[in-house]
Amino acid sequence: MDLPLHDPLFWARYTFAYEDEDRVGDLADQIEDVDLDDDDEDIEGVEVVFDVGGGCRLVLDVALDLDQHELELIVPGRKKPKTLGWDDMVQWHPHALRWSELDLICRAIDPAPGPALALLCRFAAVFEDDDVDAAAATVDAAYASLRPEGWTGYWPSAAEWLERNDLRGQAVTWHTDGQGRHWARQKDWNQEKDFYSIRQGPDTFPHDELRTLLEAARR
């Protein structure tokens, strides 16, 4: 995995926490904005592949310099990856997975909470039927597994994750068509937090591919 997962600077940037100088402290002075011009068109991200099993994979494209990260999945029989969601600072749609789905996937990748969960939790939200305390403890364990010994400065936490991804009480309801497709809609947008996702209908999301990947994770 070609990412500096034990570097506080990486996490300050990856989580977008660096925007809040009070939160990241001295790290804010070490992060420079990228001035995009004609010479910067070749900026590329780092592609991280997670093997779920059965030929199914999650692909995370991390573009720190652009503050843009995209999650895709690949399943057998499909020539091209399918987009699950993305996170940026302009038009983000990170709410791709339910917590139970992410937990299942990450346990298939690695039984112990670690890099996969720490990187991918930004694409999962919690809802009324989730055990949020257990989810938060698992996310904190994943982050803690990567934290450098003795480091006391900024480090991501489950509390920070929940600030963006706790959608309990936000009028989000889940629907199914009886064919294994599950999607959600928010009753109205006058909520404290909005449900930003392409998973808002039976035809706007790679439901069948995700079902295949989840079945592989269960096996």
C-alpha atoms as a PDB file:
ATOM      1  CA  MET A   1       0.000   0.000   0.000  1.00  0.00           C
ATOM      2  CA  ASP A   2       1.773   3.118  -1.244  1.00  0.00           C
ATOM      3  CA  LEU A   3       0.338   5.536   1.302  1.00  0.00           C
ATOM      4  CA  PRO A   4       2.113   7.003   4.380  1.00  0.00           C
ATOM      5  CA  LEU A   5      -0.423   5.553   6.793  1.00  0.00           C
ATOM      6  CA  HIS A   6       1.613   6.377   9.907  1.00  0.00           C
ATOM      7  CA  ASP A   7       2.118  10.031   8.951  1.00  0.00           C
ATOM      8  CA  PRO A   8      -0.097  12.612  10.724  1.00  0.00           C
ATOM      9  CA  LEU A   9       0.249  14.917   7.712  1.00  0.00           C
ATOM     10  CA  PHE A  10      -1.342  12.296   5.491  1.00  0.00           C
ATOM     11  CA  TRP A  11      -4.368  11.937   7.742  1.00  0.00           C
ATOM     12  CA  ALA A  12      -4.771  15.675   8.219  1.00  0.00           C
ATOM     13  CA  ARG A  13      -5.025  15.988   4.460  1.00  0.00           C
ATOM     14  CA  TYR A  14      -6.932  12.801   3.667  1.00  0.00           C
ATOM     15  CA  THR A  15      -9.716  13.582   6.148  1.00  0.00           C
ATOM     16  CA  PHE A  16      -9.873  17.275   5.124  1.00  0.00           C
ATOM     17  CA  ALA A  17      -9.180  18.095   8.779  1.00  0.00           C
ATOM     18  CA  TYR A  18      -6.378  20.473   7.749  1.00  0.00           C
ATOM     19  CA  GLU A  19      -9.024  23.074   6.910  1.00  0.00           C
ATOM     20  CA  ASP A  20      -9.515  23.567  10.651  1.00  0.00           C
ATOM     21  CA  GLU A  21      -6.245  24.939  12.001  1.00  0.00           C
ATOM     22  CA  ASP A  22      -7.458  24.659  15.581  1.00  0.00           C
ATOM     23  CA  ARG A  23      -7.986  20.943  15.040  1.00  0.00           C
ATOM     24  CA  VAL A  24      -4.684  20.046  13.407  1.00  0.00           C
ATOM     25  CA  GLY A  25      -2.453  22.604  15.134  1.00  0.00           C
ATOM     26  CA  ASP A  26       1.053  22.995  13.738  1.00  0.00           C
ATOM     27  CA  LEU A  27       0.347  20.525  10.946  1.00  0.00           C
ATOM     28  CA  ALA A  28      -1.646  23.219   9.129  1.00  0.00           C
ATOM     29  CA  ASP A  29       1.570  25.157   8.399  1.00  0.00           C
ATOM     30  CA  GLN A  30       3.090  22.099   6.723  1.00  0.00           C
ATOM     31  CA  ILE A  31       0.342  21.621   4.138  1.00  0.00           C
ATOM     32  CA  GLU A  32       0.520  23.726   1.014  1.00  0.00           C
ATOM     33  CA  ASP A  33      -2.377  24.310  -1.350  1.00  0.00           C
ATOM     34  CA  VAL A  34      -1.860  23.238  -4.948  1.00  0.00           C
ATOM     35  CA  ASP A  35      -2.132  26.003  -7.512  1.00  0.00           C
ATOM     36  CA  LEU A  36      -3.681  24.255 -10.493  1.00  0.00           C
ATOM     37  CA  ASP A  37      -2.591  25.630 -13.854  1.00  0.00           C
ATOM     38  CA  ASP A  38      -1.722  24.224 -17.248  1.00  0.00           C
ATOM     39  CA  ASP A  39       1.447  22.631 -15.888  1.00  0.00           C
ATOM     40  CA  ASP A  40      -0.455  20.664 -13.220  1.00  0.00           C
ATOM     41  CA  GLU A  41      -2.734  18.653 -15.469  1.00  0.00           C
ATOM     42  CA  ASP A  42      -0.667  15.508 -14.892  1.00  0.00           C
ATOM     43  CA  ILE A  43      -1.398  15.346 -11.153  1.00  0.00           C
ATOM     44  CA  GLU A  44      -2.389  11.763 -10.386  1.00  0.00           C
ATOM     45  CA  GLY A  45      -3.674   9.939  -7.373  1.00  0.00           C
ATOM     46  CA  VAL A  46      -2.557   6.763  -5.666  1.00  0.00           C
ATOM     47  CA  GLU A  47      -4.696   3.717  -6.404  1.00  0.00           C
ATOM     48  CA  VAL A  48      -5.185   1.333  -3.490  1.00  0.00           C
ATOM     49  CA  VAL A  49      -6.740  -2.070  -4.222  1.00  0.00           C
ATOM     50  CA  PHE A  50      -8.469  -4.141  -1.532  1.00  0.00           C
ATOM     51  CA  ASP A  51      -9.014  -7.826  -2.322  1.00  0.00           C
ATOM     52  CA  VAL A  52     -12.355  -8.936  -0.881  1.00  0.00           C
ATOM     53  CA  GLY A  53     -12.172 -12.450  -2.337  1.00  0.00           C
ATOM     54  CA  GLY A  54     -13.718 -14.333  -5.227  1.00  0.00           C
ATOM     55  CA  GLY A  55     -12.200 -11.933  -7.728  1.00  0.00           C
ATOM     56  CA  CYS A  56     -14.002  -8.965  -6.113  1.00  0.00           C
ATOM     57  CA  ARG A  57     -12.044  -5.849  -5.249  1.00  0.00           C
ATOM     58  CA  LEU A  58     -12.550  -2.345  -3.941  1.00  0.00           C
ATOM     59  CA  VAL A  59     -10.407   0.337  -5.548  1.00  0.00           C
ATOM     60  CA  LEU A  60      -9.695   3.577  -3.684  1.00  0.00           C
ATOM     61  CA  ASP A  61      -8.205   6.417  -5.706  1.00  0.00           C
ATOM     62  CA  VAL A  62      -6.551   8.885  -3.320  1.00  0.00           C
ATOM     63  CA  ALA A  63      -5.646  12.282  -4.819  1.00  0.00           C
ATOM     64  CA  LEU A  64      -4.352  14.280  -1.874  1.00  0.00           C
ATOM     65  CA  ASP A  65      -3.228  17.273  -3.930  1.00  0.00           C
ATOM     66  CA  LEU A  66      -6.730  17.628  -5.356  1.00  0.00           C
ATOM     67  CA  ASP A  67      -8.597  16.831  -2.122  1.00  0.00           C
ATOM     68  CA  GLN A  68     -10.510  14.232  -4.100  1.00  0.00           C
ATOM     69  CA  HIS A  69     -10.977  10.535  -3.344  1.00  0.00           C
ATOM     70  CA  GLU A  70     -13.082   8.010  -5.256  1.00  0.00           C
ATOM     71  CA  LEU A  71     -14.239   4.509  -4.375  1.00  0.00           C
ATOM     72  CA  GLU A  72     -14.933   1.914  -7.068  1.00  0.00           C
ATOM     73  CA  LEU A  73     -15.567  -1.813  -7.139  1.00  0.00           C
ATOM     74  CA  ILE A  74     -14.561  -4.542  -9.552  1.00  0.00           C
ATOM     75  CA  VAL A  75     -16.352  -7.890  -9.826  1.00  0.00           C
ATOM     76  CA  PRO A  76     -15.854 -10.848 -12.183  1.00  0.00           C
ATOM     77  CA  GLY A  77     -17.631 -10.505 -15.502  1.00  0.00           C
ATOM     78  CA  ARG A  78     -17.517  -6.708 -15.551  1.00  0.00           C
ATOM     79  CA  LYS A  79     -14.930  -5.111 -17.800  1.00  0.00           C
ATOM     80  CA  LYS A  80     -14.866  -1.715 -16.096  1.00  0.00           C
ATOM     81  CA  PRO A  81     -14.887  -0.615 -12.448  1.00  0.00           C
ATOM     82  CA  LYS A  82     -18.133   0.803 -11.100  1.00  0.00           C
ATOM     83  CA  THR A  83     -18.203   3.961  -9.000  1.00  0.00           C
ATOM     84  CA  LEU A  84     -19.665   3.694  -5.508  1.00  0.00           C
ATOM     85  CA  GLY A  85     -18.992   7.244  -4.379  1.00  0.00           C
ATOM     86  CA  TRP A  86     -16.483  10.033  -4.075  1.00  0.00           C
ATOM     87  CA  ASP A  87     -15.459  12.676  -1.583  1.00  0.00           C
ATOM     88  CA  ASP A  88     -14.133  16.138  -2.334  1.00  0.00           C
ATOM     89  CA  MET A  89     -14.794  19.730  -1.315  1.00  0.00           C
ATOM     90  CA  VAL A  90     -17.075  20.717  -4.190  1.00  0.00           C
ATOM     91  CA  GLN A  91     -19.752  18.136  -5.005  1.00  0.00           C
ATOM     92  CA  TRP A  92     -19.188  15.224  -2.676  1.00  0.00           C
ATOM     93  CA  HIS A  93     -21.191  11.968  -2.654  1.00  0.00           C
ATOM     94  CA  PRO A  94     -19.418   9.833  -0.040  1.00  0.00           C
ATOM     95  CA  HIS A  95     -22.381   7.989   1.520  1.00  0.00           C
ATOM     96  CA  ALA A  96     -21.976   4.800  -0.488  1.00  0.00           C
ATOM     97  CA  LEU A  97     -22.156   2.032   2.117  1.00  0.00           C
ATOM     98  CA  ARG A  98     -24.022   1.191   5.263  1.00  0.00           C
ATOM     99  CA  TRP A  99     -21.868   0.533   8.311  1.00  0.00           C
ATOM    100  CA  SER A 100     -22.810  -3.168   8.352  1.00  0.00           C
ATOM    101  CA  GLU A 101     -21.669  -3.492   4.735  1.00  0.00           C
ATOM    102  CA  LEU A 102     -18.335  -1.793   5.365  1.00  0.00           C
ATOM    103  CA  ASP A 103     -17.745  -3.858   8.497  1.00  0.00           C
ATOM    104  CA  LEU A 104     -18.396  -7.068   6.559  1.00  0.00           C
ATOM    105  CA  ILE A 105     -16.104  -6.022   3.717  1.00  0.00           C
ATOM    106  CA  CYS A 106     -13.259  -4.961   5.971  1.00  0.00           C
ATOM    107  CA  ARG A 107     -13.435  -8.163   8.031  1.00  0.00           C
ATOM    108  CA  ALA A 108     -13.039 -10.101   4.795  1.00  0.00           C
ATOM    109  CA  ILE A 109      -9.967  -8.027   3.944  1.00  0.00           C
ATOM    110  CA  ASP A 110      -8.441  -8.196   7.429  1.00  0.00           C
ATOM    111  CA  PRO A 111     -10.108  -9.668  10.550  1.00  0.00           C
ATOM    112  CA  ALA A 112      -8.541  -6.983  12.754  1.00  0.00           C
ATOM    113  CA  PRO A 113      -9.467  -3.290  12.354  1.00  0.00           C
ATOM    114  CA  GLY A 114      -6.668  -1.674  10.381  1.00  0.00           C
ATOM    115  CA  PRO A 115      -5.774   0.259   7.226  1.00  0.00           C
ATOM    116  CA  ALA A 116      -8.764  -0.826   5.136  1.00  0.00           C
ATOM    117  CA  LEU A 117     -11.303   0.362   7.684  1.00  0.00           C
ATOM    118  CA  ALA A 118      -9.378   3.543   8.476  1.00  0.00           C
ATOM    119  CA  LEU A 119      -9.304   4.517   4.797  1.00  0.00           C
ATOM    120  CA  LEU A 120     -12.757   3.339   3.766  1.00  0.00           C
ATOM    121  CA  CYS A 121     -14.908   4.477   6.690  1.00  0.00           C
ATOM    122  CA  ARG A 122     -15.326   7.900   5.071  1.00  0.00           C
ATOM    123  CA  PHE A 123     -17.580   6.136   2.541  1.00  0.00           C
ATOM    124  CA  ALA A 124     -19.887   4.569   5.153  1.00  0.00           C
ATOM    125  CA  ALA A 125     -22.669   6.141   7.209  1.00  0.00           C
ATOM    126  CA  VAL A 126     -24.550   4.978  10.300  1.00  0.00           C
ATOM    127  CA  PHE A 127     -28.335   4.944  10.644  1.00  0.00           C
ATOM    128  CA  GLU A 128     -30.941   4.196  13.307  1.00  0.00           C
ATOM    129  CA  ASP A 129     -30.525   0.420  13.191  1.00  0.00           C
ATOM    130  CA  ASP A 130     -26.747   0.462  13.656  1.00  0.00           C
ATOM    131  CA  ASP A 131     -24.873  -0.192  16.901  1.00  0.00           C
ATOM    132  CA  VAL A 132     -23.074   3.123  16.716  1.00  0.00           C
ATOM    133  CA  ASP A 133     -21.044   2.626  19.890  1.00  0.00           C
ATOM    134  CA  ALA A 134     -19.626  -0.627  18.508  1.00  0.00           C
ATOM    135  CA  ALA A 135     -18.985   0.986  15.124  1.00  0.00           C
ATOM    136  CA  ALA A 136     -17.170   3.915  16.720  1.00  0.00           C
ATOM    137  CA  ALA A 137     -15.025   1.595  18.838  1.00  0.00           C
ATOM    138  CA  THR A 138     -14.046  -0.373  15.724  1.00  0.00           C
ATOM    139  CA  VAL A 139     -13.146   2.779  13.784  1.00  0.00           C
ATOM    140  CA  ASP A 140     -11.091   4.097  16.708  1.00  0.00           C
ATOM    141  CA  ALA A 141      -9.277   0.756  16.892  1.00  0.00           C
ATOM    142  CA  ALA A 142      -8.457   0.987  13.175  1.00  0.00           C
ATOM    143  CA  TYR A 143      -7.009   4.474  13.557  1.00  0.00           C
ATOM    144  CA  ALA A 144      -5.144   3.516  16.733  1.00  0.00           C
ATOM    145  CA  SER A 145      -3.458   0.603  14.933  1.00  0.00           C
ATOM    146  CA  LEU A 146      -1.712   3.109  12.657  1.00  0.00           C
ATOM    147  CA  ARG A 147      -0.886   5.879  15.125  1.00  0.00           C
ATOM    148  CA  PRO A 148       2.857   6.349  15.728  1.00  0.00           C
ATOM    149  CA  GLU A 149       3.984   5.504  19.234  1.00  0.00           C
ATOM    150  CA  GLY A 150       4.238   8.617  21.352  1.00  0.00           C
ATOM    151  CA  TRP A 151       2.459  10.895  18.878  1.00  0.00           C
ATOM    152  CA  THR A 152       0.210  13.354  20.745  1.00  0.00           C
ATOM    153  CA  GLY A 153      -0.801  15.709  17.935  1.00  0.00           C
ATOM    154  CA  TYR A 154      -3.700  15.496  15.522  1.00  0.00           C
ATOM    155  CA  TRP A 155      -4.897  12.011  14.651  1.00  0.00           C
ATOM    156  CA  PRO A 156      -8.281  11.044  13.170  1.00  0.00           C
ATOM    157  CA  SER A 157     -10.935   9.615  15.463  1.00  0.00           C
ATOM    158  CA  ALA A 158     -14.339   7.984  15.328  1.00  0.00           C
ATOM    159  CA  ALA A 159     -15.864  11.158  16.750  1.00  0.00           C
ATOM    160  CA  GLU A 160     -14.565  13.051  13.728  1.00  0.00           C
ATOM    161  CA  TRP A 161     -15.910  10.350  11.408  1.00  0.00           C
ATOM    162  CA  LEU A 162     -19.344  10.549  13.005  1.00  0.00           C
ATOM    163  CA  GLU A 163     -19.452  14.321  12.589  1.00  0.00           C
ATOM    164  CA  ARG A 164     -19.869  13.727   8.861  1.00  0.00           C
ATOM    165  CA  ASN A 165     -21.384  10.261   8.694  1.00  0.00           C
ATOM    166  CA  ASP A 166     -23.881   9.905  11.535  1.00  0.00           C
ATOM    167  CA  LEU A 167     -27.214  10.173   9.720  1.00  0.00           C
ATOM    168  CA  ARG A 168     -29.462   9.060  12.541  1.00  0.00           C
ATOM    169  CA  GLY A 169     -32.448  11.337  12.882  1.00  0.00           C
ATOM    170  CA  GLN A 170     -31.890  12.873   9.457  1.00  0.00           C
ATOM    171  CA  ALA A 171     -35.095  11.539   7.792  1.00  0.00           C
ATOM    172  CA  VAL A 172     -33.229   8.929   5.722  1.00  0.00           C
ATOM    173  CA  THR A 173     -35.281   5.850   4.886  1.00  0.00           C
ATOM    174  CA  TRP A 174     -34.105   2.654   3.193  1.00  0.00           C
ATOM    175  CA  HIS A 175     -35.955   0.855   0.415  1.00  0.00           C
ATOM    176  CA  THR A 176     -35.605  -2.456  -1.409  1.00  0.00           C
ATOM    177  CA  ASP A 177     -37.050  -3.974  -4.559  1.00  0.00           C
ATOM    178  CA  GLY A 178     -36.868  -7.542  -3.303  1.00  0.00           C
ATOM    179  CA  GLN A 179     -33.993  -8.364  -5.664  1.00  0.00           C
ATOM    180  CA  GLY A 180     -31.199  -7.497  -3.299  1.00  0.00           C
ATOM    181  CA  ARG A 181     -31.052  -3.848  -4.248  1.00  0.00           C
ATOM    182  CA  HIS A 182     -31.079  -1.443  -1.306  1.00  0.00           C
ATOM    183  CA  TRP A 183     -31.132   2.319  -1.609  1.00  0.00           C
ATOM    184  CA  ALA A 184     -32.040   5.276   0.578  1.00  0.00           C
ATOM    185  CA  ARG A 185     -33.749   8.607   0.232  1.00  0.00           C
ATOM    186  CA  GLN A 186     -33.919  11.617   2.495  1.00  0.00           C
ATOM    187  CA  LYS A 187     -37.436  12.871   3.114  1.00  0.00           C
ATOM    188  CA  ASP A 188     -36.392  16.510   2.813  1.00  0.00           C
ATOM    189  CA  TRP A 189     -33.230  18.584   2.771  1.00  0.00           C
ATOM    190  CA  ASN A 190     -34.049  20.689   5.818  1.00  0.00           C
ATOM    191  CA  GLN A 191     -31.908  18.491   8.035  1.00  0.00           C
ATOM    192  CA  GLU A 192     -28.793  19.084  10.079  1.00  0.00           C
ATOM    193  CA  LYS A 193     -26.911  16.718   7.766  1.00  0.00           C
ATOM    194  CA  ASP A 194     -27.644  15.791   4.173  1.00  0.00           C
ATOM    195  CA  PHE A 195     -27.501  12.336   2.634  1.00  0.00           C
ATOM    196  CA  TYR A 196     -25.025  12.775  -0.213  1.00  0.00           C
ATOM    197  CA  SER A 197     -25.038   9.602  -2.280  1.00  0.00           C
ATOM    198  CA  ILE A 198     -25.643   8.198  -5.740  1.00  0.00           C
ATOM    199  CA  ARG A 199     -27.384   5.316  -3.934  1.00  0.00           C
ATOM    200  CA  GLN A 200     -30.789   6.964  -4.124  1.00  0.00           C
ATOM    201  CA  GLY A 201     -32.684   4.693  -6.483  1.00  0.00           C
ATOM    202  CA  PRO A 202     -32.716   1.242  -8.090  1.00  0.00           C
ATOM    203  CA  ASP A 203     -30.983   2.467 -11.250  1.00  0.00           C
ATOM    204  CA  THR A 204     -28.459   5.044 -10.023  1.00  0.00           C
ATOM    205  CA  PHE A 205     -25.986   2.747  -8.293  1.00  0.00           C
ATOM    206  CA  PRO A 206     -24.140  -0.527  -9.060  1.00  0.00           C
ATOM    207  CA  HIS A 207     -26.453  -2.565  -6.826  1.00  0.00           C
ATOM    208  CA  ASP A 208     -25.858  -5.930  -8.481  1.00  0.00           C
ATOM    209  CA  GLU A 209     -22.092  -5.542  -8.387  1.00  0.00           C
ATOM    210  CA  LEU A 210     -22.175  -4.540  -4.728  1.00  0.00           C
ATOM    211  CA  ARG A 211     -24.335  -7.566  -3.923  1.00  0.00           C
ATOM    212  CA  THR A 212     -21.780  -9.801  -5.627  1.00  0.00           C
ATOM    213  CA  LEU A 213     -18.965  -8.229  -3.622  1.00  0.00           C
ATOM    214  CA  LEU A 214     -20.878  -8.568  -0.333  1.00  0.00           C
ATOM    215  CA  GLU A 215     -21.591 -12.228  -1.052  1.00  0.00           C
ATOM    216  CA  ALA A 216     -17.885 -12.774  -1.662  1.00  0.00           C
ATOM    217  CA  ALA A 217     -17.090 -11.035   1.626  1.00  0.00           C
ATOM    218  CA  ARG A 218     -19.514 -13.332   3.499  1.00  0.00           C
ATOM    219  CA  ARG A 219     -17.798 -16.396   2.058  1.00  0.00           C
END
